[in-house]
């Protein structure tokens, strides 16, 4: 998930601290798949671990495992390609 997901969780936590929210359930939807962030260096250890766990592609992986790339659908500033 990205920064907007974190911001939504933070807002829900702050709302939960209010008197008006006492005894109520607060739901936060996280619609982000995080696909735009998986190449961030923060995930390098996980990628290295995954490479060791599965050093070669499975025999059935003839097609690319990732068929959707955000850069195919969004401009560098985050807006949709029209």
PDB file of N, CA and C in Angstrom:
ATOM      1  N   UNK A   1       0.839  -1.175   0.000  1.00  0.00           N
ATOM      2  CA  UNK A   1       0.000   0.000   0.000  1.00  0.00           C
ATOM      3  C   UNK A   1       0.881   1.235   0.000  1.00  0.00           C
ATOM      4  N   UNK A   2       0.333   2.317  -0.456  1.00  0.00           N
ATOM      5  CA  UNK A   2       1.088   3.549  -0.560  1.00  0.00           C
ATOM      6  C   UNK A   2       0.727   4.575   0.486  1.00  0.00           C
ATOM      7  N   UNK A   3       1.235   5.784   0.305  1.00  0.00           N
ATOM      8  CA  UNK A   3       1.008   6.854   1.269  1.00  0.00           C
ATOM      9  C   UNK A   3      -0.466   7.174   1.493  1.00  0.00           C
ATOM     10  N   UNK A   4      -1.282   7.099   0.455  1.00  0.00           N
ATOM     11  CA  UNK A   4      -2.697   7.421   0.645  1.00  0.00           C
ATOM     12  C   UNK A   4      -3.376   6.403   1.554  1.00  0.00           C
ATOM     13  N   UNK A   5      -2.959   5.148   1.474  1.00  0.00           N
ATOM     14  CA  UNK A   5      -3.510   4.127   2.370  1.00  0.00           C
ATOM     15  C   UNK A   5      -3.100   4.402   3.807  1.00  0.00           C
ATOM     16  N   UNK A   6      -1.842   4.765   3.992  1.00  0.00           N
ATOM     17  CA  UNK A   6      -1.371   5.106   5.333  1.00  0.00           C
ATOM     18  C   UNK A   6      -2.098   6.311   5.889  1.00  0.00           C
ATOM     19  N   UNK A   7      -2.358   7.290   5.043  1.00  0.00           N
ATOM     20  CA  UNK A   7      -3.091   8.485   5.485  1.00  0.00           C
ATOM     21  C   UNK A   7      -4.510   8.131   5.900  1.00  0.00           C
ATOM     22  N   UNK A   8      -5.160   7.223   5.159  1.00  0.00           N
ATOM     23  CA  UNK A   8      -6.524   6.807   5.507  1.00  0.00           C
ATOM     24  C   UNK A   8      -6.540   6.085   6.851  1.00  0.00           C
ATOM     25  N   UNK A   9      -5.553   5.235   7.089  1.00  0.00           N
ATOM     26  CA  UNK A   9      -5.472   4.526   8.378  1.00  0.00           C
ATOM     27  C   UNK A   9      -5.224   5.515   9.512  1.00  0.00           C
ATOM     28  N   UNK A  10      -4.324   6.463   9.286  1.00  0.00           N
ATOM     29  CA  UNK A  10      -4.039   7.478  10.307  1.00  0.00           C
ATOM     30  C   UNK A  10      -5.306   8.273  10.642  1.00  0.00           C
ATOM     31  N   UNK A  11      -6.047   8.682   9.617  1.00  0.00           N
ATOM     32  CA  UNK A  11      -7.283   9.441   9.851  1.00  0.00           C
ATOM     33  C   UNK A  11      -8.284   8.606  10.644  1.00  0.00           C
ATOM     34  N   UNK A  12      -8.381   7.304  10.350  1.00  0.00           N
ATOM     35  CA  UNK A  12      -9.302   6.438  11.078  1.00  0.00           C
ATOM     36  C   UNK A  12      -8.891   6.308  12.548  1.00  0.00           C
ATOM     37  N   UNK A  13      -7.598   6.215  12.780  1.00  0.00           N
ATOM     38  CA  UNK A  13      -7.108   6.116  14.174  1.00  0.00           C
ATOM     39  C   UNK A  13      -7.428   7.399  14.932  1.00  0.00           C
ATOM     40  N   UNK A  14      -7.198   8.537  14.300  1.00  0.00           N
ATOM     41  CA  UNK A  14      -7.503   9.806  14.953  1.00  0.00           C
ATOM     42  C   UNK A  14      -8.998   9.930  15.225  1.00  0.00           C
ATOM     43  N   UNK A  15      -9.828   9.499  14.270  1.00  0.00           N
ATOM     44  CA  UNK A  15     -11.276   9.524  14.461  1.00  0.00           C
ATOM     45  C   UNK A  15     -11.678   8.601  15.613  1.00  0.00           C
ATOM     46  N   UNK A  16     -11.047   7.442  15.696  1.00  0.00           N
ATOM     47  CA  UNK A  16     -11.370   6.478  16.752  1.00  0.00           C
ATOM     48  C   UNK A  16     -11.073   7.033  18.141  1.00  0.00           C
ATOM     49  N   UNK A  17     -10.187   7.980  18.240  1.00  0.00           N
ATOM     50  CA  UNK A  17      -9.820   8.576  19.534  1.00  0.00           C
ATOM     51  C   UNK A  17     -10.851   9.590  20.033  1.00  0.00           C
ATOM     52  N   UNK A  18     -11.791   9.967  19.184  1.00  0.00           N
ATOM     53  CA  UNK A  18     -12.764  10.994  19.580  1.00  0.00           C
ATOM     54  C   UNK A  18     -13.889  10.391  20.423  1.00  0.00           C
ATOM     55  N   UNK A  19     -14.535  11.247  21.235  1.00  0.00           N
ATOM     56  CA  UNK A  19     -15.653  10.804  22.065  1.00  0.00           C
ATOM     57  C   UNK A  19     -16.826  10.320  21.209  1.00  0.00           C
ATOM     58  N   UNK A  20     -17.027  10.959  20.069  1.00  0.00           N
ATOM     59  CA  UNK A  20     -18.153  10.583  19.198  1.00  0.00           C
ATOM     60  C   UNK A  20     -18.011   9.167  18.643  1.00  0.00           C
ATOM     61  N   UNK A  21     -16.780   8.661  18.566  1.00  0.00           N
ATOM     62  CA  UNK A  21     -16.543   7.336  17.993  1.00  0.00           C
ATOM     63  C   UNK A  21     -16.589   6.228  19.036  1.00  0.00           C
ATOM     64  N   UNK A  22     -16.742   6.584  20.300  1.00  0.00           N
ATOM     65  CA  UNK A  22     -16.737   5.582  21.371  1.00  0.00           C
ATOM     66  C   UNK A  22     -17.800   4.513  21.121  1.00  0.00           C
ATOM     67  N   UNK A  23     -17.386   3.265  21.141  1.00  0.00           N
ATOM     68  CA  UNK A  23     -18.301   2.145  20.972  1.00  0.00           C
ATOM     69  C   UNK A  23     -18.707   1.877  19.531  1.00  0.00           C
ATOM     70  N   UNK A  24     -18.153   2.603  18.611  1.00  0.00           N
ATOM     71  CA  UNK A  24     -18.514   2.437  17.198  1.00  0.00           C
ATOM     72  C   UNK A  24     -17.400   1.712  16.449  1.00  0.00           C
ATOM     73  N   UNK A  25     -17.770   1.079  15.361  1.00  0.00           N
ATOM     74  CA  UNK A  25     -16.809   0.399  14.497  1.00  0.00           C
ATOM     75  C   UNK A  25     -16.413   1.344  13.370  1.00  0.00           C
ATOM     76  N   UNK A  26     -15.122   1.463  13.147  1.00  0.00           N
ATOM     77  CA  UNK A  26     -14.613   2.310  12.070  1.00  0.00           C
ATOM     78  C   UNK A  26     -13.981   1.387  11.037  1.00  0.00           C
ATOM     79  N   UNK A  27     -14.391   1.565   9.793  1.00  0.00           N
ATOM     80  CA  UNK A  27     -13.890   0.727   8.705  1.00  0.00           C
ATOM     81  C   UNK A  27     -13.075   1.587   7.756  1.00  0.00           C
ATOM     82  N   UNK A  28     -11.912   1.096   7.382  1.00  0.00           N
ATOM     83  CA  UNK A  28     -11.063   1.792   6.411  1.00  0.00           C
ATOM     84  C   UNK A  28     -10.812   0.834   5.259  1.00  0.00           C
ATOM     85  N   UNK A  29     -11.170   1.252   4.064  1.00  0.00           N
ATOM     86  CA  UNK A  29     -10.926   0.419   2.879  1.00  0.00           C
ATOM     87  C   UNK A  29      -9.560   0.756   2.303  1.00  0.00           C
ATOM     88  N   UNK A  30      -8.801  -0.279   2.005  1.00  0.00           N
ATOM     89  CA  UNK A  30      -7.488  -0.107   1.400  1.00  0.00           C
ATOM     90  C   UNK A  30      -7.543  -0.701  -0.002  1.00  0.00           C
ATOM     91  N   UNK A  31      -7.861   0.136  -0.962  1.00  0.00           N
ATOM     92  CA  UNK A  31      -8.041  -0.347  -2.326  1.00  0.00           C
ATOM     93  C   UNK A  31      -6.722  -0.456  -3.087  1.00  0.00           C
ATOM     94  N   UNK A  32      -5.648  -0.051  -2.494  1.00  0.00           N
ATOM     95  CA  UNK A  32      -4.357  -0.059  -3.171  1.00  0.00           C
ATOM     96  C   UNK A  32      -3.762  -1.457  -3.178  1.00  0.00           C
ATOM     97  N   UNK A  33      -3.279  -1.860  -4.327  1.00  0.00           N
ATOM     98  CA  UNK A  33      -2.575  -3.140  -4.405  1.00  0.00           C
ATOM     99  C   UNK A  33      -1.105  -2.962  -4.060  1.00  0.00           C
ATOM    100  N   UNK A  34      -0.637  -1.730  -4.061  1.00  0.00           N
ATOM    101  CA  UNK A  34       0.771  -1.466  -3.796  1.00  0.00           C
ATOM    102  C   UNK A  34       1.656  -1.691  -5.006  1.00  0.00           C
ATOM    103  N   UNK A  35       1.073  -1.982  -6.150  1.00  0.00           N
ATOM    104  CA  UNK A  35       1.843  -2.324  -7.332  1.00  0.00           C
ATOM    105  C   UNK A  35       2.806  -1.214  -7.743  1.00  0.00           C
ATOM    106  N   UNK A  36       2.462   0.025  -7.426  1.00  0.00           N
ATOM    107  CA  UNK A  36       3.332   1.134  -7.813  1.00  0.00           C
ATOM    108  C   UNK A  36       4.566   1.235  -6.926  1.00  0.00           C
ATOM    109  N   UNK A  37       4.618   0.484  -5.847  1.00  0.00           N
ATOM    110  CA  UNK A  37       5.697   0.633  -4.880  1.00  0.00           C
ATOM    111  C   UNK A  37       6.606  -0.592  -4.773  1.00  0.00           C
ATOM    112  N   UNK A  38       6.304  -1.667  -5.486  1.00  0.00           N
ATOM    113  CA  UNK A  38       7.056  -2.905  -5.292  1.00  0.00           C
ATOM    114  C   UNK A  38       8.504  -2.810  -5.738  1.00  0.00           C
ATOM    115  N   UNK A  39       8.851  -1.852  -6.581  1.00  0.00           N
ATOM    116  CA  UNK A  39      10.243  -1.706  -7.000  1.00  0.00           C
ATOM    117  C   UNK A  39      11.043  -0.768  -6.105  1.00  0.00           C
ATOM    118  N   UNK A  40      10.425  -0.280  -5.035  1.00  0.00           N
ATOM    119  CA  UNK A  40      11.127   0.601  -4.102  1.00  0.00           C
ATOM    120  C   UNK A  40      12.230  -0.195  -3.401  1.00  0.00           C
ATOM    121  N   UNK A  41      13.387   0.426  -3.167  1.00  0.00           N
ATOM    122  CA  UNK A  41      14.490  -0.272  -2.488  1.00  0.00           C
ATOM    123  C   UNK A  41      14.114  -0.860  -1.128  1.00  0.00           C
ATOM    124  N   UNK A  42      13.066  -0.316  -0.510  1.00  0.00           N
ATOM    125  CA  UNK A  42      12.622  -0.837   0.785  1.00  0.00           C
ATOM    126  C   UNK A  42      12.305  -2.331   0.696  1.00  0.00           C
ATOM    127  N   UNK A  43      11.874  -2.795  -0.481  1.00  0.00           N
ATOM    128  CA  UNK A  43      11.472  -4.195  -0.653  1.00  0.00           C
ATOM    129  C   UNK A  43      12.613  -5.093  -1.134  1.00  0.00           C
ATOM    130  N   UNK A  44      13.828  -4.561  -1.256  1.00  0.00           N
ATOM    131  CA  UNK A  44      14.962  -5.369  -1.723  1.00  0.00           C
ATOM    132  C   UNK A  44      15.167  -6.647  -0.908  1.00  0.00           C
ATOM    133  N   UNK A  45      15.120  -6.580   0.433  1.00  0.00           N
ATOM    134  CA  UNK A  45      15.320  -7.826   1.198  1.00  0.00           C
ATOM    135  C   UNK A  45      14.269  -8.890   0.871  1.00  0.00           C
ATOM    136  N   UNK A  46      13.030  -8.477   0.692  1.00  0.00           N
ATOM    137  CA  UNK A  46      11.974  -9.443   0.363  1.00  0.00           C
ATOM    138  C   UNK A  46      12.173 -10.042  -1.023  1.00  0.00           C
ATOM    139  N   UNK A  47      12.616  -9.205  -1.978  1.00  0.00           N
ATOM    140  CA  UNK A  47      12.877  -9.715  -3.331  1.00  0.00           C
ATOM    141  C   UNK A  47      14.022 -10.716  -3.309  1.00  0.00           C
ATOM    142  N   UNK A  48      15.069 -10.414  -2.532  1.00  0.00           N
ATOM    143  CA  UNK A  48      16.207 -11.329  -2.423  1.00  0.00           C
ATOM    144  C   UNK A  48      15.782 -12.647  -1.772  1.00  0.00           C
ATOM    145  N   UNK A  49      14.975 -12.564  -0.731  1.00  0.00           N
ATOM    146  CA  UNK A  49      14.476 -13.768  -0.067  1.00  0.00           C
ATOM    147  C   UNK A  49      13.630 -14.603  -1.026  1.00  0.00           C
ATOM    148  N   UNK A  50      12.778 -13.937  -1.784  1.00  0.00           N
ATOM    149  CA  UNK A  50      11.934 -14.651  -2.743  1.00  0.00           C
ATOM    150  C   UNK A  50      12.778 -15.316  -3.826  1.00  0.00           C
ATOM    151  N   UNK A  51      13.837 -14.634  -4.274  1.00  0.00           N
ATOM    152  CA  UNK A  51      14.707 -15.213  -5.300  1.00  0.00           C
ATOM    153  C   UNK A  51      15.398 -16.472  -4.788  1.00  0.00           C
ATOM    154  N   UNK A  52      15.753 -16.488  -3.503  1.00  0.00           N
ATOM    155  CA  UNK A  52      16.378 -17.681  -2.922  1.00  0.00           C
ATOM    156  C   UNK A  52      15.370 -18.811  -2.745  1.00  0.00           C
ATOM    157  N   UNK A  53      14.139 -18.451  -2.408  1.00  0.00           N
ATOM    158  CA  UNK A  53      13.108 -19.466  -2.186  1.00  0.00           C
ATOM    159  C   UNK A  53      12.653 -20.089  -3.502  1.00  0.00           C
ATOM    160  N   UNK A  54      12.659 -19.319  -4.567  1.00  0.00           N
ATOM    161  CA  UNK A  54      12.209 -19.797  -5.869  1.00  0.00           C
ATOM    162  C   UNK A  54      13.198 -19.273  -6.907  1.00  0.00           C
ATOM    163  N   UNK A  55      14.380 -19.910  -6.999  1.00  0.00           N
ATOM    164  CA  UNK A  55      15.441 -19.369  -7.845  1.00  0.00           C
ATOM    165  C   UNK A  55      15.143 -19.381  -9.344  1.00  0.00           C
ATOM    166  N   UNK A  56      14.242 -20.228  -9.775  1.00  0.00           N
ATOM    167  CA  UNK A  56      13.911 -20.237 -11.196  1.00  0.00           C
ATOM    168  C   UNK A  56      12.396 -20.220 -11.351  1.00  0.00           C
ATOM    169  N   UNK A  57      11.951 -19.820 -12.538  1.00  0.00           N
ATOM    170  CA  UNK A  57      10.517 -19.767 -12.790  1.00  0.00           C
ATOM    171  C   UNK A  57       9.918 -21.165 -12.731  1.00  0.00           C
ATOM    172  N   UNK A  58       8.710 -21.277 -12.226  1.00  0.00           N
ATOM    173  CA  UNK A  58       8.022 -22.561 -12.293  1.00  0.00           C
ATOM    174  C   UNK A  58       7.812 -22.958 -13.754  1.00  0.00           C
ATOM    175  N   UNK A  59       7.715 -24.232 -14.033  1.00  0.00           N
ATOM    176  CA  UNK A  59       7.562 -24.715 -15.403  1.00  0.00           C
ATOM    177  C   UNK A  59       6.334 -24.134 -16.084  1.00  0.00           C
ATOM    178  N   UNK A  60       5.311 -23.811 -15.314  1.00  0.00           N
ATOM    179  CA  UNK A  60       4.073 -23.295 -15.893  1.00  0.00           C
ATOM    180  C   UNK A  60       4.108 -21.791 -16.121  1.00  0.00           C
ATOM    181  N   UNK A  61       5.210 -21.140 -15.828  1.00  0.00           N
ATOM    182  CA  UNK A  61       5.280 -19.681 -15.907  1.00  0.00           C
ATOM    183  C   UNK A  61       5.809 -19.227 -17.267  1.00  0.00           C
ATOM    184  N   UNK A  62       5.190 -19.664 -18.326  1.00  0.00           N
ATOM    185  CA  UNK A  62       5.597 -19.227 -19.657  1.00  0.00           C
ATOM    186  C   UNK A  62       5.198 -17.784 -19.907  1.00  0.00           C
ATOM    187  N   UNK A  63       4.066 -17.365 -19.383  1.00  0.00           N
ATOM    188  CA  UNK A  63       3.586 -15.998 -19.527  1.00  0.00           C
ATOM    189  C   UNK A  63       4.168 -15.148 -18.409  1.00  0.00           C
ATOM    190  N   UNK A  64       4.281 -13.843 -18.618  1.00  0.00           N
ATOM    191  CA  UNK A  64       4.760 -12.980 -17.529  1.00  0.00           C
ATOM    192  C   UNK A  64       3.841 -13.082 -16.313  1.00  0.00           C
ATOM    193  N   UNK A  65       4.437 -13.050 -15.130  1.00  0.00           N
ATOM    194  CA  UNK A  65       3.640 -13.143 -13.910  1.00  0.00           C
ATOM    195  C   UNK A  65       2.889 -11.844 -13.629  1.00  0.00           C
ATOM    196  N   UNK A  66       3.435 -10.721 -14.081  1.00  0.00           N
ATOM    197  CA  UNK A  66       2.798  -9.427 -13.856  1.00  0.00           C
ATOM    198  C   UNK A  66       2.285  -8.917 -15.193  1.00  0.00           C
ATOM    199  N   UNK A  67       0.993  -8.921 -15.355  1.00  0.00           N
ATOM    200  CA  UNK A  67       0.404  -8.515 -16.618  1.00  0.00           C
ATOM    201  C   UNK A  67      -0.001  -7.049 -16.634  1.00  0.00           C
ATOM    202  N   UNK A  68      -0.119  -6.420 -15.464  1.00  0.00           N
ATOM    203  CA  UNK A  68      -0.562  -5.035 -15.359  1.00  0.00           C
ATOM    204  C   UNK A  68       0.570  -4.218 -14.778  1.00  0.00           C
ATOM    205  N   UNK A  69       0.926  -3.156 -15.452  1.00  0.00           N
ATOM    206  CA  UNK A  69       1.962  -2.259 -14.946  1.00  0.00           C
ATOM    207  C   UNK A  69       1.367  -0.866 -14.839  1.00  0.00           C
ATOM    208  N   UNK A  70       1.542  -0.211 -13.715  1.00  0.00           N
ATOM    209  CA  UNK A  70       0.924   1.097 -13.512  1.00  0.00           C
ATOM    210  C   UNK A  70       1.392   2.105 -14.552  1.00  0.00           C
ATOM    211  N   UNK A  71       2.661   2.012 -14.979  1.00  0.00           N
ATOM    212  CA  UNK A  71       3.147   2.989 -15.949  1.00  0.00           C
ATOM    213  C   UNK A  71       2.465   2.857 -17.313  1.00  0.00           C
ATOM    214  N   UNK A  72       1.808   1.737 -17.557  1.00  0.00           N
ATOM    215  CA  UNK A  72       1.040   1.585 -18.787  1.00  0.00           C
ATOM    216  C   UNK A  72      -0.276   2.355 -18.721  1.00  0.00           C
ATOM    217  N   UNK A  73      -0.711   2.706 -17.534  1.00  0.00           N
ATOM    218  CA  UNK A  73      -2.024   3.305 -17.344  1.00  0.00           C
ATOM    219  C   UNK A  73      -2.000   4.689 -16.709  1.00  0.00           C
ATOM    220  N   UNK A  74      -0.863   5.067 -16.132  1.00  0.00           N
ATOM    221  CA  UNK A  74      -0.770   6.351 -15.440  1.00  0.00           C
ATOM    222  C   UNK A  74       0.426   7.135 -15.924  1.00  0.00           C
ATOM    223  N   UNK A  75       0.300   8.458 -15.937  1.00  0.00           N
ATOM    224  CA  UNK A  75       1.398   9.331 -16.305  1.00  0.00           C
ATOM    225  C   UNK A  75       2.353   9.428 -15.120  1.00  0.00           C
ATOM    226  N   UNK A  76       3.588   9.923 -15.353  1.00  0.00           N
ATOM    227  CA  UNK A  76       4.543  10.022 -14.233  1.00  0.00           C
ATOM    228  C   UNK A  76       4.052  10.850 -13.057  1.00  0.00           C
ATOM    229  N   UNK A  77       3.138  11.798 -13.312  1.00  0.00           N
ATOM    230  CA  UNK A  77       2.631  12.602 -12.193  1.00  0.00           C
ATOM    231  C   UNK A  77       1.461  11.929 -11.474  1.00  0.00           C
ATOM    232  N   UNK A  78       1.107  10.694 -11.882  1.00  0.00           N
ATOM    233  CA  UNK A  78       0.056   9.941 -11.206  1.00  0.00           C
ATOM    234  C   UNK A  78      -1.306  10.045 -11.838  1.00  0.00           C
ATOM    235  N   UNK A  79      -1.446  10.862 -12.865  1.00  0.00           N
ATOM    236  CA  UNK A  79      -2.746  10.995 -13.524  1.00  0.00           C
ATOM    237  C   UNK A  79      -2.972   9.885 -14.526  1.00  0.00           C
ATOM    238  N   UNK A  80      -4.225   9.590 -14.837  1.00  0.00           N
ATOM    239  CA  UNK A  80      -4.514   8.510 -15.786  1.00  0.00           C
ATOM    240  C   UNK A  80      -4.130   8.902 -17.202  1.00  0.00           C
ATOM    241  N   UNK A  81      -3.636   7.916 -17.961  1.00  0.00           N
ATOM    242  CA  UNK A  81      -3.398   8.155 -19.391  1.00  0.00           C
ATOM    243  C   UNK A  81      -4.727   8.116 -20.086  1.00  0.00           C
ATOM    244  N   UNK A  82      -4.984   9.106 -20.888  1.00  0.00           N
ATOM    245  CA  UNK A  82      -6.261   9.171 -21.601  1.00  0.00           C
ATOM    246  C   UNK A  82      -6.102   8.787 -23.040  1.00  0.00           C
TER     247      UNK A  82
END
